[in-house]
Protein backbone atom coordinates (compact mmCIF):
# COMPACT_ATOMS: atom_id res chain seq x y z
CA PHE A 1 -79.24 16.58 21.85
CA GLU A 2 -79.68 13.49 23.92
CA SER A 3 -83.13 14.83 24.89
CA ALA A 4 -84.35 15.06 21.33
CA PRO A 5 -87.29 12.74 20.43
CA LEU A 6 -85.29 10.51 18.13
CA ASN A 7 -88.02 7.88 17.82
CA ASP A 8 -91.02 10.15 17.36
CA ILE A 9 -91.79 10.28 13.65
CA ARG A 10 -93.72 13.55 14.21
CA VAL A 11 -90.44 15.41 14.47
CA LEU A 12 -89.95 15.02 10.71
CA ASN A 13 -92.97 17.28 10.15
CA SER A 14 -91.42 20.19 12.13
CA HIS A 15 -88.10 22.01 12.18
CA LEU A 16 -87.33 20.61 15.68
CA LEU A 17 -85.00 17.81 14.48
CA LYS A 18 -82.97 20.01 12.07
CA ASN A 19 -82.71 22.77 14.65
CA LYS A 20 -81.40 20.29 17.22
CA LEU A 21 -78.92 18.89 14.73
CA ASP A 22 -77.70 22.34 13.73
CA GLU A 23 -77.18 23.33 17.35
CA TYR A 24 -75.44 20.09 18.25
CA PHE A 25 -73.03 19.82 15.27
CA ASP A 26 -72.48 23.51 14.47
CA ILE A 27 -72.00 24.67 17.99
CA TYR A 28 -71.39 21.92 20.54
CA MET A 29 -69.35 19.49 18.36
CA SER A 30 -67.45 22.17 16.37
CA SER A 31 -64.35 22.16 18.63
CA TYR A 32 -64.02 18.39 18.89
CA PRO A 33 -61.68 16.16 16.86
CA PRO A 34 -63.29 14.00 14.09
CA GLU A 35 -62.77 10.77 16.00
CA TYR A 36 -64.95 12.02 18.79
CA ILE A 37 -67.59 13.37 16.42
CA CYS A 38 -67.76 9.92 14.80
CA LYS A 39 -68.31 8.33 18.22
CA LYS A 40 -71.08 10.70 19.01
CA ILE A 41 -72.71 10.04 15.61
CA ASP A 42 -72.67 6.34 16.31
CA ASP A 43 -74.24 6.90 19.81
CA ILE A 44 -77.03 8.99 18.27
CA LEU A 45 -77.80 6.58 15.47
CA ASN A 46 -77.74 3.60 17.84
CA LYS A 47 -80.47 5.27 19.84
CA THR A 48 -82.59 6.02 16.76
CA LYS A 49 -84.88 3.03 16.25
CA GLU A 50 -87.15 4.82 13.81
CA THR A 51 -85.69 4.23 10.35
CA LYS A 52 -87.08 7.41 8.74
CA ILE A 53 -85.57 9.55 11.40
CA ARG A 54 -82.25 7.66 11.08
CA ASP A 55 -82.22 8.22 7.40
CA TYR A 56 -82.96 11.88 7.80
CA ILE A 57 -80.03 12.26 10.19
CA LEU A 58 -77.74 10.37 7.89
CA TRP A 59 -78.57 12.60 4.94
CA TYR A 60 -78.17 15.63 7.17
CA LEU A 61 -74.69 14.47 8.16
CA TYR A 62 -73.79 13.59 4.60
CA SER A 63 -74.62 17.13 3.51
CA LYS A 64 -72.70 18.67 6.47
CA TYR A 65 -69.53 16.63 6.01
CA PHE A 66 -69.42 16.28 2.21
CA ASN A 67 -67.34 19.39 2.03
CA PRO A 68 -66.59 20.23 5.73
CA GLU A 69 -65.43 23.65 6.91
CA ASP A 70 -62.73 21.95 8.96
CA ILE A 71 -60.78 19.84 6.53
CA LYS A 72 -59.93 17.31 9.29
CA ASN A 73 -63.60 16.34 9.29
CA GLU A 74 -63.22 14.59 5.99
CA LEU A 75 -62.66 11.68 8.33
CA VAL A 76 -66.26 11.96 9.42
CA TYR A 77 -67.45 11.66 5.78
CA ILE A 78 -65.33 8.57 5.43
CA HIS A 79 -66.78 7.17 8.60
CA LEU A 80 -70.35 7.76 7.33
CA ALA A 81 -69.52 6.09 4.05
CA ASP A 82 -67.84 3.07 5.55
CA ASN A 83 -70.28 2.38 8.40
CA TYR A 84 -73.66 3.50 6.99
CA PHE A 85 -73.94 4.50 3.38
CA SER A 86 -72.03 1.53 2.03
CA ILE A 87 -74.04 -1.13 3.98
CA LEU A 88 -77.50 0.16 4.90
CA THR A 89 -80.68 0.44 2.99
CA ILE A 90 -81.34 4.20 3.27
CA ASP A 91 -84.26 6.20 1.93
CA ASN A 92 -83.48 7.80 -1.43
CA LEU A 93 -80.17 6.06 -1.63
CA THR A 94 -79.81 4.46 -5.08
CA GLU A 95 -77.08 2.08 -5.95
CA ASN A 96 -75.48 4.70 -8.16
CA ILE A 97 -75.43 7.24 -5.36
CA ARG A 98 -74.09 4.63 -2.97
CA ASN A 99 -71.22 3.83 -5.34
CA GLN A 100 -70.40 7.55 -5.77
CA ILE A 101 -70.34 8.03 -1.96
CA VAL A 102 -68.07 4.97 -1.50
CA LYS A 103 -65.83 6.03 -4.40
CA ARG A 104 -65.27 9.54 -2.91
CA ALA A 105 -64.62 8.08 0.52
CA ASN A 106 -61.92 5.87 -1.03
CA ILE A 107 -60.36 8.87 -2.73
CA LEU A 108 -60.45 10.98 0.50
CA ARG A 109 -58.88 8.34 2.69
CA ASN A 110 -55.74 8.59 0.48
CA ILE A 111 -55.48 12.41 0.72
CA THR A 112 -56.41 13.20 4.35
CA LEU A 113 -54.04 15.42 6.30
CA GLY A 114 -50.80 13.59 7.07
CA LYS A 115 -51.05 11.20 4.11
CA GLN A 116 -48.41 11.26 1.37
CA ALA A 117 -49.74 12.94 -1.77
CA PRO A 118 -50.53 10.61 -4.64
CA PRO A 119 -48.05 10.32 -7.48
CA LEU A 120 -48.19 13.28 -9.85
CA SER A 121 -46.55 14.13 -13.18
CA TYR A 122 -47.47 16.47 -15.96
CA ILE A 123 -46.08 18.56 -18.79
CA ASP A 124 -45.78 22.25 -17.83
CA GLU A 125 -46.27 25.39 -19.94
CA ASN A 126 -42.64 25.10 -21.18
CA GLY A 127 -42.98 21.53 -22.36
CA ASP A 128 -40.98 20.12 -19.50
CA THR A 129 -42.15 16.97 -17.73
CA ILE A 130 -42.58 17.63 -14.00
CA SER A 131 -42.75 14.83 -11.50
CA LEU A 132 -43.67 15.41 -7.85
CA ASP A 133 -41.16 12.74 -6.78
CA ASP A 134 -38.36 14.82 -8.31
CA ILE A 135 -39.15 18.03 -6.34
CA LYS A 136 -36.78 18.63 -3.45
CA SER A 137 -38.00 21.36 -1.18
CA GLU A 138 -39.06 21.89 2.42
CA ASN A 139 -42.44 23.01 1.17
CA VAL A 140 -44.29 22.14 -2.03
CA ILE A 141 -47.45 23.84 -3.23
CA LEU A 142 -49.68 22.07 -5.70
CA PHE A 143 -51.71 24.69 -7.44
CA PHE A 144 -54.50 23.24 -9.53
CA TYR A 145 -55.96 25.86 -11.90
CA LYS A 146 -57.72 26.64 -15.18
CA PRO A 147 -56.41 29.45 -17.42
CA ASP A 148 -59.70 31.14 -17.80
CA CYS A 149 -60.33 31.27 -13.98
CA GLN A 150 -59.92 34.89 -12.78
CA LYS A 151 -59.30 33.86 -9.19
CA CYS A 152 -56.63 31.41 -10.43
CA ILE A 153 -54.86 34.26 -12.32
CA LYS A 154 -54.84 36.38 -9.20
CA ASP A 155 -53.55 33.60 -6.97
CA LYS A 156 -50.93 32.56 -9.51
CA ARG A 157 -49.49 36.09 -9.31
CA ALA A 158 -49.49 35.94 -5.49
CA LEU A 159 -47.71 32.55 -5.58
CA ASP A 160 -45.10 33.84 -7.95
CA LEU A 161 -44.32 36.59 -5.49
CA LEU A 162 -44.33 34.18 -2.56
CA LYS A 163 -41.87 31.91 -4.42
CA LYS A 164 -39.49 34.78 -4.94
CA LYS A 165 -39.75 35.72 -1.24
CA ARG A 166 -39.01 32.20 0.14
CA ASP A 167 -36.20 29.91 -0.84
CA ASP A 168 -37.81 26.99 0.98
CA LEU A 169 -40.79 26.75 -1.33
CA GLU A 170 -41.52 25.15 -4.65
CA VAL A 171 -44.76 25.72 -6.60
CA LEU A 172 -46.21 23.31 -9.18
CA TYR A 173 -48.76 24.92 -11.42
CA ILE A 174 -51.07 22.23 -12.70
CA ASN A 175 -53.47 23.19 -15.50
CA ILE A 176 -56.48 20.87 -15.25
CA SER A 177 -58.62 22.35 -17.99
CA GLU A 178 -60.27 19.76 -20.15
CA GLU A 179 -58.38 21.16 -23.22
CA ASN A 180 -55.07 20.35 -21.58
CA ASP A 181 -53.88 16.92 -22.66
CA ASN A 182 -50.70 17.13 -20.66
CA VAL A 183 -52.33 16.32 -17.38
CA SER A 184 -54.17 13.04 -16.84
CA TYR A 185 -57.80 13.59 -15.82
CA ASP A 186 -57.19 10.97 -13.14
CA VAL A 187 -55.35 13.72 -11.16
CA VAL A 188 -58.65 15.55 -10.78
CA ASP A 189 -60.18 12.46 -9.18
CA GLN A 190 -57.09 11.49 -7.12
CA TYR A 191 -56.92 14.99 -5.53
CA ASP A 192 -60.64 15.42 -5.24
CA ILE A 193 -60.62 18.67 -7.27
CA MET A 194 -64.08 20.18 -7.42
CA THR A 195 -63.29 23.79 -8.06
CA THR A 196 -60.40 25.99 -9.10
CA PRO A 197 -58.13 27.19 -7.74
CA THR A 198 -57.35 24.33 -5.38
CA ILE A 199 -54.22 24.48 -3.30
CA TYR A 200 -52.37 21.68 -1.50
CA LEU A 201 -49.37 22.33 0.80
CA LEU A 202 -46.89 19.47 1.22
CA ASN A 203 -43.82 19.09 3.47
CA GLU A 204 -40.40 17.82 2.33
CA ASN A 205 -41.71 14.19 2.55
CA LYS A 206 -44.62 15.03 0.22
CA GLU A 207 -47.05 14.63 3.11
CA ILE A 208 -50.22 16.71 3.01
CA ILE A 209 -50.05 19.40 5.78
CA ALA A 210 -52.86 21.67 4.39
CA LYS A 211 -55.28 21.68 1.55
CA HIS A 212 -58.12 23.62 0.03
CA ILE A 213 -56.58 26.78 1.55
CA LYS A 214 -56.29 30.33 0.24
CA SER A 215 -53.08 31.62 -1.26
CA GLU A 216 -52.84 34.22 1.55
CA GLU A 217 -52.95 31.41 4.17
CA ILE A 218 -49.96 29.42 2.90
CA GLU A 219 -47.28 31.19 4.96
CA PHE A 220 -49.36 30.76 8.06
CA HIS A 221 -49.47 27.00 7.52
CA ILE A 222 -45.79 26.87 6.76
CA ILE A 223 -44.87 28.67 9.93
CA ASN A 224 -47.24 26.73 12.12
CA ARG A 225 -46.74 23.27 10.73
């Protein structure tokens, strides 16, 4: 990628720049930790003196790391927000969009892998008040769902079976439908819930060891944590 013409404005009228970015970040950088990716991003942008090319690269990276395939790379999104989108004048970046990017970065920095899960309490289907702080288990699953979500129904059955199979596991079923007044809508923001079902896996200290995983992946993460 170092050979790409990062200061030749003509690359914006071709697919060259995007192809180079795809190759670099999808293939070459895919196996590196987020800290290294952030460093390489800084190196690239420091070499880019043409503002329009810089802005193109920033929006490309924003799109790539907004919802990264590797959840560890949420740290890259936070880096982009803190060091670029929050402080630079960028093409097509309105103040409203800037505020949204910064807000999400601030949410994500509290729920990255290894962080302690935010406080959580709700009233369950039986009318009992459930608090995350009160749960004592080696592994805790937070299952955010909506009752009319067919995938949620299927996964809920799978989790019921998993809970019966393992005695080191507790599952919290959190209904986040708008009709449910027993869960604060702040929970949706705090846990960055964009779709249902969403699954978080916590250890005995309520630290996040996996998130946005499939129900069938839970045991793998428990065994390998």
